[in-house]
N, C-alpha and C. Protein backbone atom coordinates (compact mmCIF):
# COMPACT_ATOMS: atom_id res chain seq x y z
N MET A 1 7.33 -23.05 -187.26
CA MET A 1 8.37 -23.98 -186.84
C MET A 1 9.67 -23.26 -186.62
N ALA A 2 10.03 -22.21 -187.39
CA ALA A 2 11.23 -21.44 -187.09
C ALA A 2 11.17 -20.77 -185.78
N ILE A 3 9.98 -20.15 -185.38
CA ILE A 3 9.90 -19.52 -184.15
C ILE A 3 9.97 -20.49 -182.99
N GLU A 4 9.53 -21.75 -183.18
CA GLU A 4 9.66 -22.81 -182.13
C GLU A 4 11.13 -23.18 -181.99
N MET A 5 11.89 -23.11 -183.08
CA MET A 5 13.32 -23.43 -183.03
C MET A 5 14.09 -22.38 -182.28
N ILE A 6 13.69 -21.14 -182.40
CA ILE A 6 14.34 -20.04 -181.62
C ILE A 6 14.01 -20.20 -180.17
N ALA A 7 12.73 -20.50 -179.85
CA ALA A 7 12.26 -20.62 -178.48
C ALA A 7 13.01 -21.75 -177.75
N THR A 8 13.21 -22.87 -178.48
CA THR A 8 13.89 -24.03 -177.88
C THR A 8 15.43 -23.95 -177.83
N GLY A 9 15.93 -23.02 -178.57
CA GLY A 9 17.38 -22.85 -178.68
C GLY A 9 18.00 -23.78 -179.70
N THR A 10 17.24 -24.36 -180.59
CA THR A 10 17.85 -25.21 -181.66
C THR A 10 18.60 -24.40 -182.69
N ALA A 11 18.15 -23.17 -182.94
CA ALA A 11 18.83 -22.30 -183.95
C ALA A 11 19.16 -20.94 -183.24
N PRO A 12 20.32 -20.42 -183.49
CA PRO A 12 20.79 -19.12 -182.89
C PRO A 12 20.10 -17.85 -183.32
N SER A 13 19.39 -17.95 -184.49
CA SER A 13 18.75 -16.74 -184.98
C SER A 13 17.56 -17.10 -185.93
N LEU A 14 16.67 -16.11 -186.12
CA LEU A 14 15.49 -16.35 -186.94
C LEU A 14 15.90 -16.62 -188.44
N THR A 15 16.91 -15.99 -188.84
CA THR A 15 17.35 -16.16 -190.23
C THR A 15 17.90 -17.55 -190.46
N ILE A 16 18.59 -18.12 -189.46
CA ILE A 16 19.12 -19.47 -189.61
C ILE A 16 18.01 -20.46 -189.48
N ALA A 17 17.12 -20.20 -188.49
CA ALA A 17 15.95 -21.02 -188.30
C ALA A 17 15.08 -21.19 -189.55
N SER A 18 14.85 -20.01 -190.15
CA SER A 18 14.01 -20.03 -191.42
C SER A 18 14.68 -20.79 -192.51
N ALA A 19 15.96 -20.68 -192.55
CA ALA A 19 16.74 -21.44 -193.66
C ALA A 19 16.67 -22.87 -193.42
N MET A 20 16.72 -23.18 -192.13
CA MET A 20 16.68 -24.71 -191.75
C MET A 20 15.32 -25.21 -192.12
N VAL A 21 14.26 -24.41 -191.77
CA VAL A 21 12.87 -24.88 -192.09
C VAL A 21 12.69 -25.09 -193.61
N ARG A 22 13.21 -24.14 -194.41
CA ARG A 22 13.05 -24.21 -195.88
C ARG A 22 13.87 -25.45 -196.36
N ALA A 23 14.95 -25.80 -195.72
CA ALA A 23 15.81 -26.83 -196.23
C ALA A 23 15.25 -28.25 -195.84
N VAL A 24 14.34 -28.29 -194.87
CA VAL A 24 13.91 -29.53 -194.29
C VAL A 24 13.34 -30.52 -195.31
N PRO A 25 12.53 -30.10 -196.31
CA PRO A 25 12.00 -31.02 -197.27
C PRO A 25 13.12 -31.73 -198.07
N MET A 26 14.22 -31.09 -198.32
CA MET A 26 15.27 -31.66 -199.06
C MET A 26 16.19 -32.50 -198.20
N MET A 27 16.22 -32.29 -196.87
CA MET A 27 17.11 -32.91 -195.95
C MET A 27 16.46 -34.30 -195.54
N LYS A 28 17.24 -35.32 -195.34
CA LYS A 28 16.78 -36.58 -194.91
C LYS A 28 16.59 -36.54 -193.39
N LEU A 29 17.50 -35.81 -192.65
CA LEU A 29 17.45 -35.78 -191.22
C LEU A 29 16.81 -34.51 -190.79
N MET A 30 16.03 -34.47 -189.82
CA MET A 30 15.44 -33.27 -189.24
C MET A 30 16.50 -32.61 -188.42
N PRO A 31 16.41 -31.31 -188.18
CA PRO A 31 17.44 -30.55 -187.51
C PRO A 31 17.79 -31.19 -186.10
N GLU A 32 16.72 -31.66 -185.38
CA GLU A 32 16.95 -32.32 -184.08
C GLU A 32 17.77 -33.58 -184.27
N GLU A 33 17.64 -34.30 -185.38
CA GLU A 33 18.36 -35.50 -185.61
C GLU A 33 19.87 -35.18 -185.95
N GLU A 34 20.02 -34.14 -186.71
CA GLU A 34 21.33 -33.68 -187.07
C GLU A 34 22.02 -33.22 -185.79
N ARG A 35 21.37 -32.63 -184.85
CA ARG A 35 22.00 -32.25 -183.63
C ARG A 35 22.46 -33.49 -182.76
N ILE A 36 21.72 -34.56 -182.82
CA ILE A 36 22.14 -35.79 -182.27
C ILE A 36 23.51 -36.29 -182.82
N VAL A 37 23.64 -36.20 -184.15
CA VAL A 37 24.86 -36.66 -184.85
C VAL A 37 26.01 -35.70 -184.42
N LEU A 38 25.71 -34.43 -184.23
CA LEU A 38 26.78 -33.45 -183.83
C LEU A 38 27.14 -33.77 -182.40
N GLU A 39 26.13 -34.03 -181.51
CA GLU A 39 26.45 -34.33 -180.14
C GLU A 39 27.36 -35.54 -179.92
N TYR A 40 27.13 -36.61 -180.85
CA TYR A 40 27.95 -37.74 -180.85
C TYR A 40 29.39 -37.40 -181.24
N CYS A 41 29.43 -36.62 -182.24
CA CYS A 41 30.77 -36.03 -182.75
C CYS A 41 31.48 -35.39 -181.58
N TYR A 42 30.91 -34.48 -180.89
CA TYR A 42 31.55 -33.73 -179.79
C TYR A 42 31.90 -34.68 -178.65
N PHE A 43 30.98 -35.61 -178.36
CA PHE A 43 31.27 -36.62 -177.29
C PHE A 43 32.55 -37.41 -177.51
N CYS A 44 32.71 -37.90 -178.78
CA CYS A 44 33.80 -38.73 -179.12
C CYS A 44 35.12 -37.81 -179.12
N TYR A 45 35.00 -36.53 -179.59
CA TYR A 45 36.06 -35.72 -179.59
C TYR A 45 36.58 -35.41 -178.12
N HIS A 46 35.63 -35.24 -177.19
CA HIS A 46 36.00 -34.92 -175.82
C HIS A 46 36.69 -36.16 -175.14
N LEU A 47 36.32 -37.37 -175.70
CA LEU A 47 36.94 -38.60 -175.13
C LEU A 47 38.30 -38.75 -175.64
N GLY A 48 38.71 -38.05 -176.76
CA GLY A 48 39.98 -38.16 -177.34
C GLY A 48 39.95 -38.97 -178.66
N PHE A 49 38.79 -39.35 -179.12
CA PHE A 49 38.67 -40.09 -180.35
C PHE A 49 37.77 -39.40 -181.35
N PRO A 50 38.28 -38.35 -182.05
CA PRO A 50 37.38 -37.62 -183.01
C PRO A 50 36.74 -38.61 -184.03
N SER A 51 35.50 -38.28 -184.34
CA SER A 51 34.76 -39.03 -185.27
C SER A 51 35.24 -38.90 -186.67
N ILE A 52 35.20 -39.96 -187.49
CA ILE A 52 35.53 -39.90 -188.81
C ILE A 52 34.23 -39.70 -189.62
N ILE A 53 34.17 -39.06 -190.73
CA ILE A 53 32.92 -38.70 -191.43
C ILE A 53 32.13 -39.97 -191.77
N TRP A 54 32.74 -41.12 -192.04
CA TRP A 54 31.98 -42.29 -192.33
C TRP A 54 31.25 -42.79 -191.13
N GLN A 55 31.77 -42.54 -189.87
CA GLN A 55 31.04 -42.94 -188.66
C GLN A 55 29.74 -42.11 -188.49
N LEU A 56 29.91 -40.80 -188.84
CA LEU A 56 28.74 -39.87 -188.69
C LEU A 56 27.67 -40.28 -189.77
N ARG A 57 28.20 -40.73 -190.90
CA ARG A 57 27.28 -41.20 -191.97
C ARG A 57 26.53 -42.47 -191.50
N GLU A 58 27.19 -43.40 -190.78
CA GLU A 58 26.56 -44.62 -190.31
C GLU A 58 25.51 -44.23 -189.23
N ILE A 59 25.82 -43.27 -188.35
CA ILE A 59 24.90 -42.87 -187.32
C ILE A 59 23.66 -42.28 -188.06
N ALA A 60 23.88 -41.34 -188.97
CA ALA A 60 22.76 -40.77 -189.67
C ALA A 60 21.88 -41.70 -190.38
N THR A 61 22.54 -42.72 -190.99
CA THR A 61 21.82 -43.74 -191.82
C THR A 61 21.01 -44.55 -190.85
N SER A 62 21.51 -44.90 -189.68
CA SER A 62 20.72 -45.67 -188.69
C SER A 62 19.53 -44.95 -188.27
N ILE A 63 19.61 -43.62 -188.12
CA ILE A 63 18.54 -42.77 -187.69
C ILE A 63 17.45 -42.81 -188.69
N ILE A 64 17.78 -42.57 -189.95
CA ILE A 64 16.75 -42.46 -191.05
C ILE A 64 16.19 -43.90 -191.34
N GLN A 65 16.92 -44.93 -191.18
CA GLN A 65 16.38 -46.19 -191.41
C GLN A 65 15.42 -46.69 -190.38
N LYS A 66 15.46 -46.06 -189.20
CA LYS A 66 14.42 -46.45 -188.19
C LYS A 66 13.10 -46.01 -188.60
N ARG A 67 13.02 -44.94 -189.36
CA ARG A 67 11.76 -44.46 -189.99
C ARG A 67 11.36 -45.26 -191.18
N ASN A 68 12.26 -45.51 -192.05
CA ASN A 68 12.05 -46.22 -193.25
C ASN A 68 13.31 -47.14 -193.60
N PRO A 69 13.10 -48.40 -193.47
CA PRO A 69 14.33 -49.33 -193.65
C PRO A 69 14.96 -49.18 -195.05
N GLN A 70 14.25 -48.74 -196.03
CA GLN A 70 14.84 -48.67 -197.43
C GLN A 70 15.45 -47.34 -197.69
N GLU A 71 15.40 -46.46 -196.72
CA GLU A 71 15.96 -45.06 -196.97
C GLU A 71 17.47 -45.09 -196.84
N THR A 72 18.09 -44.28 -197.76
CA THR A 72 19.57 -44.13 -197.67
C THR A 72 19.88 -42.67 -197.90
N LEU A 73 21.13 -42.35 -197.55
CA LEU A 73 21.67 -40.94 -197.69
C LEU A 73 22.25 -40.77 -199.09
N ARG A 74 22.10 -39.60 -199.54
CA ARG A 74 22.78 -39.33 -200.94
C ARG A 74 24.32 -39.30 -200.74
N LYS A 75 24.91 -39.46 -201.89
CA LYS A 75 26.42 -39.48 -201.90
C LYS A 75 27.00 -38.19 -201.39
N ILE A 76 26.33 -37.11 -201.54
CA ILE A 76 26.94 -35.81 -201.15
C ILE A 76 26.44 -35.33 -199.74
N TRP A 77 25.98 -36.32 -198.95
CA TRP A 77 25.55 -35.94 -197.65
C TRP A 77 26.64 -35.30 -196.77
N GLU A 78 27.77 -35.91 -196.88
CA GLU A 78 28.94 -35.37 -196.09
C GLU A 78 29.23 -33.93 -196.32
N GLU A 79 29.32 -33.63 -197.58
CA GLU A 79 29.62 -32.21 -197.94
C GLU A 79 28.49 -31.29 -197.49
N ALA A 80 27.30 -31.64 -197.61
CA ALA A 80 26.22 -30.81 -197.16
C ALA A 80 26.17 -30.69 -195.59
N PHE A 81 26.51 -31.81 -194.96
CA PHE A 81 26.54 -31.71 -193.48
C PHE A 81 27.64 -30.80 -193.05
N LYS A 82 28.81 -30.86 -193.68
CA LYS A 82 29.86 -30.00 -193.33
C LYS A 82 29.59 -28.49 -193.63
N ARG A 83 28.83 -28.28 -194.69
CA ARG A 83 28.42 -26.91 -195.06
C ARG A 83 27.40 -26.35 -194.04
N ARG A 84 26.52 -27.18 -193.58
CA ARG A 84 25.50 -26.80 -192.60
C ARG A 84 26.03 -26.58 -191.20
N HIS A 85 27.19 -27.31 -190.91
CA HIS A 85 27.72 -27.22 -189.55
C HIS A 85 29.27 -27.05 -189.63
N PRO A 86 29.62 -25.74 -189.98
CA PRO A 86 31.06 -25.50 -190.06
C PRO A 86 31.81 -25.54 -188.75
N GLU A 87 31.08 -25.54 -187.66
CA GLU A 87 31.70 -25.65 -186.27
C GLU A 87 32.24 -27.08 -186.13
N ALA A 88 31.84 -28.03 -186.81
CA ALA A 88 32.27 -29.38 -186.77
C ALA A 88 33.32 -29.63 -187.82
N LYS A 89 34.35 -28.82 -187.74
CA LYS A 89 35.41 -28.95 -188.80
C LYS A 89 36.45 -30.01 -188.42
N THR A 90 37.24 -30.32 -189.39
CA THR A 90 38.25 -31.32 -189.27
C THR A 90 39.35 -30.69 -188.43
N GLY A 91 39.88 -31.55 -187.51
CA GLY A 91 40.98 -31.12 -186.62
C GLY A 91 41.80 -32.21 -186.22
N LEU A 92 43.00 -31.93 -185.71
CA LEU A 92 43.97 -32.90 -185.18
C LEU A 92 43.64 -33.23 -183.71
N SER A 93 43.63 -34.52 -183.39
CA SER A 93 43.50 -34.95 -181.97
C SER A 93 44.80 -34.85 -181.32
N LYS A 94 44.69 -34.70 -179.98
CA LYS A 94 45.90 -34.59 -179.12
C LYS A 94 46.18 -35.93 -178.56
N GLN A 95 47.46 -36.17 -178.40
CA GLN A 95 47.93 -37.47 -177.77
C GLN A 95 47.51 -37.47 -176.36
N LEU A 96 46.90 -38.61 -175.85
CA LEU A 96 46.46 -38.65 -174.45
C LEU A 96 47.65 -39.00 -173.48
N ASP A 97 48.47 -39.89 -173.89
CA ASP A 97 49.52 -40.29 -172.95
C ASP A 97 50.91 -40.06 -173.63
N PHE A 98 51.81 -39.70 -172.78
CA PHE A 98 53.16 -39.57 -173.28
C PHE A 98 54.03 -40.68 -172.68
N ILE A 99 54.43 -41.59 -173.54
CA ILE A 99 55.14 -42.81 -173.08
C ILE A 99 56.57 -42.61 -173.45
């Protein structure tokens, strides 16, 4: 699975891919699903409305509940998500219009 992640470009290196594969049993979201959450985050940011962590949590919850309606995320999901994706750090948004 790690080699497939390298081939598809999901992970930048074999070390990161193997770490992601080992972490999958503990993770509620698959790496591809986490990438969807990140893409939503970037999409909102480019529109000028950066996502708030609870919005990302709602998206992730809706993804996992499509598989199992009783499934929920752990309370520490946000911290683990930030640790796995340091590129999605908190930042200040810029004002769009000057009035």
